[in-house]
Amino acid sequence: MVKLDPIAEFREDHRKVRDGLLELMGALQSKDVVKARKILDTINVLVGPHFRYEEEVLYPTLRVFLGEYVDQLLTEHDGVIATARSCAELLKKDCLTDEEAKLAVSAARALLIHVSNCDGLSILSERLSKNEVDALSEKLATARKAGVSLLDWAETIRKK
């Protein structure tokens, strides 16, 4: 089995989420509910294994560098999950009001901040030992293979 480069994969996930959020914002601004639903579903599937990897493996590993800041990252995840749930609920509707679309765009924009901040963890990951990076690689591959979406993971597996 080919080992993943967990640092490169982590950064690429962030690029995909960034692009997805920007597309979602565009769909919400034009009130294209069908397109917004599809984009949110794609993000949900991508982010599930990513969040699982972060919370179960990466954050505990990086605690040596970040200390209590890891707790803040976990709290940010709580907010992301709540926002994703709200957006999924909102997009069950056939159409959005101007105010709903505006609030949803604002929420998606706020998620970009987490994506941007979180990507900075890559630079710390570069300081890990080869054994630690190899362990991250294995755990990322395992999380991806399980393929549990964000909202399903948050509801059934996440320990919060």
N, C-alpha and C. Protein backbone atom coordinates (compact mmCIF):
# COMPACT_ATOMS: atom_id res chain seq x y z
N MET A 1 0.83 -1.18 0.00
CA MET A 1 0.00 0.00 0.00
C MET A 1 0.88 1.26 0.00
N VAL A 2 0.56 2.20 -0.84
CA VAL A 2 1.32 3.44 -0.94
C VAL A 2 0.95 4.33 0.25
N LYS A 3 1.97 4.85 0.92
CA LYS A 3 1.71 5.73 2.05
C LYS A 3 1.33 7.12 1.56
N LEU A 4 0.34 7.66 2.23
CA LEU A 4 -0.05 9.04 1.97
C LEU A 4 0.95 9.98 2.62
N ASP A 5 1.16 11.12 2.02
CA ASP A 5 1.91 12.18 2.67
C ASP A 5 0.87 12.98 3.46
N PRO A 6 0.76 12.76 4.77
CA PRO A 6 -0.34 13.36 5.52
C PRO A 6 -0.32 14.89 5.51
N ILE A 7 0.85 15.48 5.41
CA ILE A 7 0.94 16.94 5.41
C ILE A 7 0.40 17.49 4.09
N ALA A 8 0.84 16.90 2.98
CA ALA A 8 0.35 17.33 1.67
C ALA A 8 -1.15 17.06 1.53
N GLU A 9 -1.60 15.92 2.01
CA GLU A 9 -3.03 15.58 1.92
C GLU A 9 -3.88 16.52 2.76
N PHE A 10 -3.37 16.86 3.93
CA PHE A 10 -4.05 17.79 4.83
C PHE A 10 -4.24 19.14 4.14
N ARG A 11 -3.19 19.63 3.52
CA ARG A 11 -3.26 20.92 2.83
C ARG A 11 -4.20 20.84 1.63
N GLU A 12 -4.17 19.73 0.91
CA GLU A 12 -5.04 19.58 -0.26
C GLU A 12 -6.51 19.53 0.18
N ASP A 13 -6.78 18.87 1.29
CA ASP A 13 -8.15 18.87 1.83
C ASP A 13 -8.61 20.30 2.08
N HIS A 14 -7.73 21.11 2.66
CA HIS A 14 -8.10 22.49 2.95
C HIS A 14 -8.37 23.27 1.67
N ARG A 15 -7.61 23.01 0.64
CA ARG A 15 -7.87 23.67 -0.65
C ARG A 15 -9.24 23.29 -1.19
N LYS A 16 -9.56 22.01 -1.10
CA LYS A 16 -10.86 21.53 -1.60
C LYS A 16 -12.01 22.13 -0.79
N VAL A 17 -11.84 22.20 0.52
CA VAL A 17 -12.89 22.78 1.37
C VAL A 17 -13.01 24.27 1.08
N ARG A 18 -11.89 24.96 0.96
CA ARG A 18 -11.90 26.39 0.61
C ARG A 18 -12.70 26.60 -0.67
N ASP A 19 -12.37 25.84 -1.70
CA ASP A 19 -13.05 26.00 -2.99
C ASP A 19 -14.53 25.64 -2.87
N GLY A 20 -14.83 24.59 -2.11
CA GLY A 20 -16.22 24.21 -1.90
C GLY A 20 -17.02 25.28 -1.18
N LEU A 21 -16.41 25.87 -0.17
CA LEU A 21 -17.10 26.93 0.57
C LEU A 21 -17.33 28.15 -0.32
N LEU A 22 -16.36 28.48 -1.15
CA LEU A 22 -16.54 29.61 -2.07
C LEU A 22 -17.65 29.32 -3.08
N GLU A 23 -17.70 28.09 -3.58
CA GLU A 23 -18.79 27.70 -4.49
C GLU A 23 -20.14 27.74 -3.76
N LEU A 24 -20.15 27.25 -2.53
CA LEU A 24 -21.37 27.25 -1.74
C LEU A 24 -21.87 28.67 -1.53
N MET A 25 -20.95 29.58 -1.23
CA MET A 25 -21.33 30.97 -1.04
C MET A 25 -21.96 31.54 -2.31
N GLY A 26 -21.39 31.20 -3.45
CA GLY A 26 -21.95 31.67 -4.71
C GLY A 26 -23.35 31.11 -4.96
N ALA A 27 -23.52 29.82 -4.69
CA ALA A 27 -24.84 29.20 -4.87
C ALA A 27 -25.86 29.80 -3.91
N LEU A 28 -25.44 30.07 -2.68
CA LEU A 28 -26.35 30.67 -1.71
C LEU A 28 -26.71 32.10 -2.09
N GLN A 29 -25.71 32.84 -2.58
CA GLN A 29 -25.98 34.22 -2.99
C GLN A 29 -27.00 34.27 -4.13
N SER A 30 -26.93 33.30 -5.02
CA SER A 30 -27.90 33.27 -6.13
C SER A 30 -29.15 32.48 -5.76
N LYS A 31 -29.19 32.00 -4.51
CA LYS A 31 -30.33 31.24 -3.98
C LYS A 31 -30.63 29.99 -4.82
N ASP A 32 -29.58 29.37 -5.33
CA ASP A 32 -29.69 28.12 -6.07
C ASP A 32 -29.60 26.97 -5.05
N VAL A 33 -30.74 26.61 -4.50
CA VAL A 33 -30.80 25.64 -3.40
C VAL A 33 -30.31 24.27 -3.85
N VAL A 34 -30.67 23.85 -5.06
CA VAL A 34 -30.27 22.53 -5.55
C VAL A 34 -28.75 22.45 -5.64
N LYS A 35 -28.14 23.46 -6.22
CA LYS A 35 -26.67 23.48 -6.34
C LYS A 35 -26.03 23.56 -4.96
N ALA A 36 -26.57 24.39 -4.09
CA ALA A 36 -26.02 24.53 -2.74
C ALA A 36 -26.08 23.21 -1.99
N ARG A 37 -27.17 22.46 -2.13
CA ARG A 37 -27.30 21.15 -1.49
C ARG A 37 -26.19 20.21 -1.96
N LYS A 38 -25.97 20.16 -3.27
CA LYS A 38 -24.95 19.27 -3.83
C LYS A 38 -23.56 19.65 -3.31
N ILE A 39 -23.28 20.92 -3.27
CA ILE A 39 -21.97 21.38 -2.79
C ILE A 39 -21.81 21.03 -1.31
N LEU A 40 -22.84 21.28 -0.52
CA LEU A 40 -22.77 20.97 0.90
C LEU A 40 -22.58 19.47 1.11
N ASP A 41 -23.25 18.66 0.33
CA ASP A 41 -23.08 17.20 0.43
C ASP A 41 -21.64 16.80 0.13
N THR A 42 -21.05 17.41 -0.88
CA THR A 42 -19.66 17.12 -1.23
C THR A 42 -18.73 17.51 -0.09
N ILE A 43 -18.95 18.68 0.47
CA ILE A 43 -18.12 19.14 1.59
C ILE A 43 -18.29 18.21 2.79
N ASN A 44 -19.51 17.82 3.07
CA ASN A 44 -19.82 16.93 4.19
C ASN A 44 -19.04 15.61 4.07
N VAL A 45 -19.00 15.05 2.86
CA VAL A 45 -18.29 13.79 2.64
C VAL A 45 -16.78 13.98 2.77
N LEU A 46 -16.26 15.06 2.24
CA LEU A 46 -14.82 15.34 2.31
C LEU A 46 -14.37 15.61 3.74
N VAL A 47 -15.14 16.39 4.45
CA VAL A 47 -14.70 16.88 5.76
C VAL A 47 -14.84 15.84 6.87
N GLY A 48 -15.71 14.87 6.70
CA GLY A 48 -15.88 13.85 7.74
C GLY A 48 -14.57 13.16 8.10
N PRO A 49 -13.92 12.50 7.13
CA PRO A 49 -12.64 11.85 7.45
C PRO A 49 -11.57 12.84 7.90
N HIS A 50 -11.61 14.04 7.37
CA HIS A 50 -10.63 15.07 7.73
C HIS A 50 -10.78 15.47 9.20
N PHE A 51 -11.99 15.77 9.62
CA PHE A 51 -12.22 16.14 11.03
C PHE A 51 -11.89 14.97 11.95
N ARG A 52 -12.28 13.78 11.53
CA ARG A 52 -12.00 12.60 12.36
C ARG A 52 -10.50 12.44 12.56
N TYR A 53 -9.75 12.56 11.49
CA TYR A 53 -8.29 12.48 11.55
C TYR A 53 -7.73 13.58 12.45
N GLU A 54 -8.22 14.80 12.29
CA GLU A 54 -7.73 15.90 13.11
C GLU A 54 -7.96 15.62 14.59
N GLU A 55 -9.20 15.29 14.93
CA GLU A 55 -9.54 15.16 16.35
C GLU A 55 -8.96 13.91 17.00
N GLU A 56 -8.93 12.81 16.27
CA GLU A 56 -8.49 11.56 16.86
C GLU A 56 -6.97 11.38 16.83
N VAL A 57 -6.29 12.06 15.89
CA VAL A 57 -4.87 11.79 15.72
C VAL A 57 -4.01 13.06 15.69
N LEU A 58 -4.33 13.96 14.76
CA LEU A 58 -3.45 15.11 14.55
C LEU A 58 -3.41 16.04 15.75
N TYR A 59 -4.57 16.45 16.24
CA TYR A 59 -4.58 17.38 17.36
C TYR A 59 -3.88 16.82 18.59
N PRO A 60 -4.15 15.56 18.98
CA PRO A 60 -3.41 15.03 20.12
C PRO A 60 -1.89 15.00 19.89
N THR A 61 -1.50 14.71 18.65
CA THR A 61 -0.07 14.68 18.33
C THR A 61 0.54 16.07 18.42
N LEU A 62 -0.20 17.08 17.96
CA LEU A 62 0.32 18.45 17.96
C LEU A 62 0.18 19.16 19.30
N ARG A 63 -0.48 18.52 20.25
CA ARG A 63 -0.65 19.14 21.57
C ARG A 63 0.71 19.48 22.20
N VAL A 64 1.73 18.71 21.87
CA VAL A 64 3.07 18.98 22.39
C VAL A 64 3.53 20.38 21.98
N PHE A 65 3.12 20.85 20.80
CA PHE A 65 3.48 22.19 20.34
C PHE A 65 2.44 23.23 20.76
N LEU A 66 1.19 22.85 20.71
CA LEU A 66 0.09 23.81 20.86
C LEU A 66 -0.51 23.90 22.25
N GLY A 67 -0.27 22.89 23.06
CA GLY A 67 -0.83 22.89 24.40
C GLY A 67 -2.34 23.05 24.38
N GLU A 68 -2.83 23.97 25.20
CA GLU A 68 -4.27 24.15 25.37
C GLU A 68 -4.97 24.70 24.13
N TYR A 69 -4.23 25.24 23.18
CA TYR A 69 -4.84 25.76 21.95
C TYR A 69 -5.61 24.66 21.22
N VAL A 70 -5.21 23.41 21.41
CA VAL A 70 -5.93 22.29 20.81
C VAL A 70 -7.39 22.31 21.25
N ASP A 71 -7.64 22.68 22.50
CA ASP A 71 -9.01 22.75 22.99
C ASP A 71 -9.82 23.79 22.22
N GLN A 72 -9.18 24.88 21.85
CA GLN A 72 -9.85 25.91 21.05
C GLN A 72 -10.19 25.37 19.66
N LEU A 73 -9.28 24.58 19.08
CA LEU A 73 -9.55 23.98 17.77
C LEU A 73 -10.76 23.03 17.85
N LEU A 74 -10.83 22.29 18.93
CA LEU A 74 -11.98 21.38 19.12
C LEU A 74 -13.28 22.18 19.27
N THR A 75 -13.21 23.29 19.97
CA THR A 75 -14.38 24.16 20.11
C THR A 75 -14.78 24.74 18.75
N GLU A 76 -13.79 25.10 17.94
CA GLU A 76 -14.09 25.57 16.57
C GLU A 76 -14.79 24.48 15.77
N HIS A 77 -14.38 23.24 15.95
CA HIS A 77 -15.05 22.13 15.27
C HIS A 77 -16.51 22.03 15.71
N ASP A 78 -16.77 22.25 16.99
CA ASP A 78 -18.15 22.25 17.46
C ASP A 78 -18.97 23.27 16.66
N GLY A 79 -18.40 24.44 16.47
CA GLY A 79 -19.08 25.49 15.71
C GLY A 79 -19.27 25.13 14.26
N VAL A 80 -18.27 24.52 13.65
CA VAL A 80 -18.38 24.10 12.25
C VAL A 80 -19.49 23.07 12.10
N ILE A 81 -19.53 22.12 13.00
CA ILE A 81 -20.55 21.07 12.94
C ILE A 81 -21.94 21.68 13.12
N ALA A 82 -22.08 22.58 14.07
CA ALA A 82 -23.39 23.24 14.28
C ALA A 82 -23.79 24.02 13.04
N THR A 83 -22.84 24.71 12.43
CA THR A 83 -23.14 25.47 11.21
C THR A 83 -23.53 24.55 10.07
N ALA A 84 -22.82 23.44 9.93
CA ALA A 84 -23.14 22.48 8.86
C ALA A 84 -24.54 21.90 9.06
N ARG A 85 -24.87 21.59 10.31
CA ARG A 85 -26.22 21.08 10.59
C ARG A 85 -27.29 22.12 10.23
N SER A 86 -27.05 23.35 10.63
CA SER A 86 -28.01 24.42 10.35
C SER A 86 -28.18 24.63 8.84
N CYS A 87 -27.06 24.62 8.15
CA CYS A 87 -27.10 24.82 6.70
C CYS A 87 -27.83 23.66 6.02
N ALA A 88 -27.55 22.43 6.45
CA ALA A 88 -28.23 21.26 5.88
C ALA A 88 -29.73 21.36 6.12
N GLU A 89 -30.11 21.79 7.30
CA GLU A 89 -31.53 21.95 7.63
C GLU A 89 -32.16 23.04 6.75
N LEU A 90 -31.47 24.14 6.62
CA LEU A 90 -31.95 25.25 5.80
C LEU A 90 -32.14 24.83 4.35
N LEU A 91 -31.21 24.02 3.85
CA LEU A 91 -31.26 23.63 2.45
C LEU A 91 -32.26 22.51 2.15
N LYS A 92 -32.99 22.09 3.16
CA LYS A 92 -34.11 21.18 2.92
C LYS A 92 -35.29 21.93 2.30
N LYS A 93 -35.24 23.25 2.42
CA LYS A 93 -36.30 24.09 1.86
C LYS A 93 -36.15 24.16 0.34
N ASP A 94 -37.26 24.47 -0.32
CA ASP A 94 -37.22 24.60 -1.77
C ASP A 94 -36.64 25.94 -2.22
N CYS A 95 -36.78 26.95 -1.37
CA CYS A 95 -36.22 28.26 -1.72
C CYS A 95 -35.84 28.99 -0.43
N LEU A 96 -34.96 29.97 -0.60
CA LEU A 96 -34.48 30.74 0.54
C LEU A 96 -34.93 32.18 0.43
N THR A 97 -35.18 32.79 1.57
CA THR A 97 -35.44 34.23 1.59
C THR A 97 -34.11 34.95 1.41
N ASP A 98 -34.17 36.22 1.12
CA ASP A 98 -32.94 37.01 1.01
C ASP A 98 -32.16 36.97 2.32
N GLU A 99 -32.86 37.08 3.42
CA GLU A 99 -32.20 37.08 4.73
C GLU A 99 -31.56 35.72 5.03
N GLU A 100 -32.25 34.61 4.73
CA GLU A 100 -31.68 33.28 4.95
C GLU A 100 -30.42 33.09 4.11
N ALA A 101 -30.47 33.50 2.87
CA ALA A 101 -29.31 33.37 1.99
C ALA A 101 -28.14 34.20 2.53
N LYS A 102 -28.44 35.40 2.96
CA LYS A 102 -27.39 36.30 3.49
C LYS A 102 -26.74 35.69 4.73
N LEU A 103 -27.55 35.16 5.65
CA LEU A 103 -27.02 34.56 6.87
C LEU A 103 -26.20 33.30 6.55
N ALA A 104 -26.66 32.51 5.60
CA ALA A 104 -25.94 31.29 5.22
C ALA A 104 -24.60 31.63 4.57
N VAL A 105 -24.57 32.66 3.75
CA VAL A 105 -23.32 33.10 3.13
C VAL A 105 -22.35 33.56 4.22
N SER A 106 -22.85 34.30 5.17
CA SER A 106 -22.03 34.78 6.27
C SER A 106 -21.45 33.61 7.08
N ALA A 107 -22.25 32.58 7.31
CA ALA A 107 -21.79 31.40 8.04
C ALA A 107 -20.70 30.67 7.26
N ALA A 108 -20.90 30.52 5.95
CA ALA A 108 -19.89 29.86 5.12
C ALA A 108 -18.59 30.66 5.12
N ARG A 109 -18.70 31.97 5.08
CA ARG A 109 -17.52 32.83 5.11
C ARG A 109 -16.75 32.64 6.43
N ALA A 110 -17.48 32.51 7.52
CA ALA A 110 -16.85 32.30 8.82
C ALA A 110 -16.09 30.97 8.85
N LEU A 111 -16.62 29.97 8.15
CA LEU A 111 -15.93 28.68 8.11
C LEU A 111 -14.60 28.77 7.37
N LEU A 112 -14.51 29.70 6.43
CA LEU A 112 -13.25 29.90 5.72
C LEU A 112 -12.13 30.30 6.68
N ILE A 113 -12.48 31.01 7.72
CA ILE A 113 -11.48 31.42 8.70
C ILE A 113 -10.89 30.20 9.39
N HIS A 114 -11.75 29.25 9.76
CA HIS A 114 -11.24 28.02 10.38
C HIS A 114 -10.33 27.28 9.40
N VAL A 115 -10.74 27.18 8.15
CA VAL A 115 -9.94 26.49 7.14
C VAL A 115 -8.56 27.15 7.03
N SER A 116 -8.56 28.45 6.97
CA SER A 116 -7.31 29.20 6.85
C SER A 116 -6.42 29.01 8.07
N ASN A 117 -6.99 29.15 9.25
CA ASN A 117 -6.22 28.99 10.48
C ASN A 117 -5.69 27.56 10.63
N CYS A 118 -6.53 26.61 10.31
CA CYS A 118 -6.19 25.21 10.49
C CYS A 118 -5.06 24.79 9.54
N ASP A 119 -5.03 25.38 8.37
CA ASP A 119 -3.99 25.01 7.41
C ASP A 119 -2.60 25.32 7.97
N GLY A 120 -2.50 26.27 8.87
CA GLY A 120 -1.23 26.59 9.48
C GLY A 120 -0.64 25.46 10.31
N LEU A 121 -1.48 24.48 10.66
CA LEU A 121 -0.97 23.33 11.43
C LEU A 121 0.02 22.51 10.61
N SER A 122 -0.04 22.65 9.30
CA SER A 122 0.88 21.92 8.42
C SER A 122 2.33 22.24 8.76
N ILE A 123 2.59 23.49 9.03
CA ILE A 123 3.97 23.91 9.30
C ILE A 123 4.48 23.28 10.60
N LEU A 124 3.59 23.07 11.56
CA LEU A 124 4.00 22.39 12.79
C LEU A 124 4.20 20.90 12.54
N SER A 125 3.35 20.34 11.70
CA SER A 125 3.44 18.90 11.40
C SER A 125 4.79 18.55 10.78
N GLU A 126 5.40 19.51 10.11
CA GLU A 126 6.71 19.27 9.49
C GLU A 126 7.80 19.00 10.54
N ARG A 127 7.53 19.36 11.77
CA ARG A 127 8.51 19.16 12.85
C ARG A 127 8.37 17.80 13.54
N LEU A 128 7.41 17.01 13.12
CA LEU A 128 7.20 15.69 13.73
C LEU A 128 8.25 14.71 13.22
N SER A 129 8.48 13.68 14.00
CA SER A 129 9.44 12.64 13.60
C SER A 129 8.86 11.81 12.45
N LYS A 130 9.73 11.07 11.78
CA LYS A 130 9.29 10.21 10.69
C LYS A 130 8.26 9.19 11.20
N ASN A 131 8.50 8.64 12.38
CA ASN A 131 7.55 7.66 12.94
C ASN A 131 6.19 8.31 13.20
N GLU A 132 6.19 9.53 13.71
CA GLU A 132 4.92 10.23 13.95
C GLU A 132 4.20 10.53 12.63
N VAL A 133 4.94 10.95 11.63
CA VAL A 133 4.35 11.23 10.32
C VAL A 133 3.81 9.94 9.70
N ASP A 134 4.54 8.85 9.84
CA ASP A 134 4.06 7.55 9.34
C ASP A 134 2.76 7.15 10.03
N ALA A 135 2.69 7.38 11.33
CA ALA A 135 1.46 7.06 12.08
C ALA A 135 0.31 7.94 11.60
N LEU A 136 0.59 9.23 11.35
CA LEU A 136 -0.44 10.12 10.81
C LEU A 136 -0.93 9.62 9.46
N SER A 137 0.00 9.17 8.63
CA SER A 137 -0.34 8.66 7.30
C SER A 137 -1.31 7.48 7.40
N GLU A 138 -0.99 6.55 8.28
CA GLU A 138 -1.84 5.37 8.46
C GLU A 138 -3.24 5.76 8.96
N LYS A 139 -3.28 6.66 9.92
CA LYS A 139 -4.57 7.06 10.50
C LYS A 139 -5.41 7.86 9.51
N LEU A 140 -4.77 8.68 8.69
CA LEU A 140 -5.51 9.42 7.67
C LEU A 140 -6.10 8.45 6.66
N ALA A 141 -5.31 7.47 6.24
CA ALA A 141 -5.80 6.46 5.29
C ALA A 141 -6.98 5.68 5.89
N THR A 142 -6.88 5.36 7.16
CA THR A 142 -7.96 4.64 7.85
C THR A 142 -9.24 5.47 7.90
N ALA A 143 -9.10 6.75 8.24
CA ALA A 143 -10.28 7.64 8.31
C ALA A 143 -10.92 7.78 6.93
N ARG A 144 -10.10 7.91 5.91
CA ARG A 144 -10.64 8.03 4.56
C ARG A 144 -11.32 6.74 4.11
N LYS A 145 -10.71 5.61 4.44
CA LYS A 145 -11.30 4.33 4.05
C LYS A 145 -12.66 4.14 4.71
N ALA A 146 -12.79 4.57 5.97
CA ALA A 146 -14.08 4.46 6.66
C ALA A 146 -15.12 5.35 5.98
N GLY A 147 -14.68 6.50 5.48
CA GLY A 147 -15.54 7.36 4.67
C GLY A 147 -16.80 7.88 5.34
N VAL A 148 -16.74 8.13 6.63
CA VAL A 148 -17.92 8.62 7.35
C VAL A 148 -18.02 10.14 7.17
N SER A 149 -19.17 10.60 6.71
CA SER A 149 -19.36 12.03 6.48
C SER A 149 -19.29 12.80 7.81
N LEU A 150 -19.09 14.10 7.70
CA LEU A 150 -18.96 14.93 8.90
C LEU A 150 -20.17 14.81 9.81
N LEU A 151 -21.36 15.00 9.25
CA LEU A 151 -22.54 15.00 10.11
C LEU A 151 -22.84 13.62 10.68
N ASP A 152 -22.57 12.56 9.93
CA ASP A 152 -22.75 11.21 10.47
C ASP A 152 -21.72 10.92 11.56
N TRP A 153 -20.47 11.31 11.32
CA TRP A 153 -19.42 11.11 12.31
C TRP A 153 -19.75 11.87 13.61
N ALA A 154 -20.17 13.12 13.46
CA ALA A 154 -20.49 13.95 14.62
C ALA A 154 -21.64 13.34 15.42
N GLU A 155 -22.58 12.74 14.72
CA GLU A 155 -23.77 12.19 15.37
C GLU A 155 -23.51 10.82 16.02
N THR A 156 -22.64 10.01 15.40
CA THR A 156 -22.54 8.60 15.84
C THR A 156 -21.21 8.18 16.43
N ILE A 157 -20.12 8.87 16.09
CA ILE A 157 -18.80 8.40 16.49
C ILE A 157 -18.07 9.38 17.40
N ARG A 158 -18.18 10.64 17.08
CA ARG A 158 -17.44 11.67 17.81
C ARG A 158 -17.74 11.62 19.30
N LYS A 159 -16.71 11.74 20.08
CA LYS A 159 -16.86 11.66 21.54
C LYS A 159 -17.01 13.04 22.13
N LYS A 160 -18.17 13.64 21.96
CA LYS A 160 -18.42 14.98 22.50
C LYS A 160 -19.82 15.03 23.01
